[in-house]
Amino acid sequence: MSGSYRDIRFGKRPLELVVDIYSCTRSFPREEVYGLACQLRRAAVSVPGNIAAGKGRRTDSCYFARGSLFEVETQLTIAELLGYVAQAEVQRIGNSAGEVARMLNGLIKAISSAERKQAA
């Protein structure tokens, strides 16, 4: 799989997720700046970073991206339970994360297939 990770059909979706998370966490209480807000942002930023690494290397990084995506979903749920994020916002971002997850699963399959062909 040659080319840049930007060539991936869904390259913009993970970046949009990062922007959504940053926007969402701006309204978190000040005491969460280095807590939940920071964790959410780091997990969100890891998604496109690991997708780019997976495009350039192998599927392990794509699995890391998927794990980071699950972290985002879990941390958003925690933020909702704490009253930091409205349910509608969690659902909207969760739908976006679900779309990225489906696309990421496809990328993992494609990279795995290419790796098997290369090994054969």
Protein backbone atom coordinates (compact mmCIF):
# COMPACT_ATOMS: atom_id res chain seq x y z
CA MET A 1 0.00 0.00 0.00
CA SER A 2 1.93 2.94 -1.29
CA GLY A 3 1.21 6.63 -1.00
CA SER A 4 0.37 8.86 1.89
CA TYR A 5 -2.18 8.14 4.59
CA ARG A 6 -4.00 11.18 3.14
CA ASP A 7 -4.79 8.96 0.14
CA ILE A 8 -6.98 6.78 2.33
CA ARG A 9 -10.62 7.34 1.41
CA PHE A 10 -11.57 8.31 4.94
CA GLY A 11 -8.43 10.30 5.79
CA LYS A 12 -10.40 13.38 6.86
CA ARG A 13 -12.88 11.66 9.18
CA PRO A 14 -10.40 10.90 11.98
CA LEU A 15 -9.14 14.49 11.78
CA GLU A 16 -12.69 15.79 12.05
CA LEU A 17 -13.13 13.60 15.13
CA VAL A 18 -10.11 15.30 16.72
CA VAL A 19 -11.61 18.72 16.02
CA ASP A 20 -14.95 17.60 17.50
CA ILE A 21 -13.22 16.37 20.66
CA TYR A 22 -11.24 19.58 21.06
CA SER A 23 -14.43 21.64 20.63
CA CYS A 24 -16.32 19.44 23.05
CA THR A 25 -13.66 19.56 25.78
CA ARG A 26 -13.31 23.37 25.71
CA SER A 27 -16.33 23.62 27.97
CA PHE A 28 -15.07 21.09 30.54
CA PRO A 29 -14.48 22.42 34.06
CA ARG A 30 -11.09 23.98 34.67
CA GLU A 31 -10.06 21.13 37.00
CA GLU A 32 -10.37 18.72 34.07
CA VAL A 33 -7.82 20.54 31.89
CA TYR A 34 -5.13 18.00 32.87
CA GLY A 35 -7.57 15.19 33.58
CA LEU A 36 -10.38 13.87 31.43
CA ALA A 37 -10.14 16.63 28.80
CA CYS A 38 -6.45 15.91 28.28
CA GLN A 39 -7.03 12.16 28.09
CA LEU A 40 -9.83 12.57 25.56
CA ARG A 41 -7.72 14.85 23.40
CA ARG A 42 -4.71 12.55 23.50
CA ALA A 43 -6.78 9.50 22.63
CA ALA A 44 -8.47 11.36 19.76
CA VAL A 45 -5.14 12.59 18.36
CA SER A 46 -3.80 9.03 18.53
CA VAL A 47 -6.44 7.80 16.09
CA PRO A 48 -5.22 9.61 12.94
CA GLY A 49 -1.60 9.34 14.09
CA ASN A 50 -1.80 5.59 14.35
CA ILE A 51 -3.73 5.30 11.09
CA ALA A 52 -0.90 7.17 9.38
CA ALA A 53 1.64 4.88 11.04
CA GLY A 54 -0.38 1.82 10.01
CA LYS A 55 -0.51 3.00 6.41
CA GLY A 56 3.25 3.36 6.45
CA ARG A 57 4.09 0.21 8.39
CA ARG A 58 1.64 -2.51 9.25
CA THR A 59 -1.64 -3.39 10.88
CA ASP A 60 -0.43 -3.19 14.51
CA SER A 61 -0.71 0.60 14.41
CA CYS A 62 -4.23 0.33 13.02
CA TYR A 63 -5.18 -1.83 15.99
CA PHE A 64 -3.72 0.88 18.24
CA ALA A 65 -5.87 3.44 16.41
CA ARG A 66 -8.94 1.30 17.02
CA GLY A 67 -8.03 1.00 20.69
CA SER A 68 -7.68 4.77 20.94
CA LEU A 69 -11.07 5.13 19.30
CA PHE A 70 -12.59 2.88 21.98
CA GLU A 71 -10.89 5.04 24.61
CA VAL A 72 -12.53 8.13 23.12
CA GLU A 73 -15.95 6.49 23.22
CA THR A 74 -15.49 5.35 26.84
CA GLN A 75 -14.14 8.70 28.01
CA LEU A 76 -17.01 10.51 26.29
CA THR A 77 -19.45 8.33 28.19
CA ILE A 78 -17.68 9.22 31.44
CA ALA A 79 -17.84 12.91 30.52
CA GLU A 80 -21.57 12.55 29.90
CA LEU A 81 -22.11 10.81 33.24
CA LEU A 82 -20.24 13.65 34.96
CA GLY A 83 -22.47 16.18 33.21
CA TYR A 84 -19.68 17.72 31.10
CA VAL A 85 -21.21 16.79 27.73
CA ALA A 86 -24.82 16.62 26.59
CA GLN A 87 -26.18 13.26 25.50
CA ALA A 88 -26.88 14.58 22.00
CA GLU A 89 -23.24 15.65 21.61
CA VAL A 90 -22.00 12.27 22.83
CA GLN A 91 -24.31 10.54 20.36
CA ARG A 92 -23.18 12.76 17.47
CA ILE A 93 -19.48 12.23 18.20
CA GLY A 94 -20.13 8.54 18.90
CA ASN A 95 -21.74 8.16 15.47
CA SER A 96 -18.70 9.77 13.90
CA ALA A 97 -16.39 7.48 15.89
CA GLY A 98 -18.44 4.48 14.77
CA GLU A 99 -18.01 5.51 11.15
CA VAL A 100 -14.26 5.82 11.63
CA ALA A 101 -14.21 2.39 13.32
CA ARG A 102 -15.98 0.74 10.39
CA MET A 103 -13.61 2.33 7.93
CA LEU A 104 -10.63 1.41 10.10
CA ASN A 105 -11.76 -2.22 10.15
CA GLY A 106 -11.74 -2.15 6.36
CA LEU A 107 -8.24 -0.68 6.35
CA ILE A 108 -7.03 -3.38 8.74
CA LYS A 109 -8.43 -6.06 6.42
CA ALA A 110 -6.80 -4.45 3.38
CA ILE A 111 -3.39 -4.15 5.05
CA SER A 112 -3.61 -7.70 6.42
CA SER A 113 -4.46 -9.01 2.96
CA ALA A 114 -1.54 -7.11 1.41
CA GLU A 115 0.80 -8.46 4.11
CA ARG A 116 -0.35 -12.05 3.47
CA LYS A 117 0.18 -11.64 -0.27
CA GLN A 118 3.63 -10.18 0.34
CA ALA A 119 4.58 -13.02 2.67
CA ALA A 120 3.46 -15.68 0.19
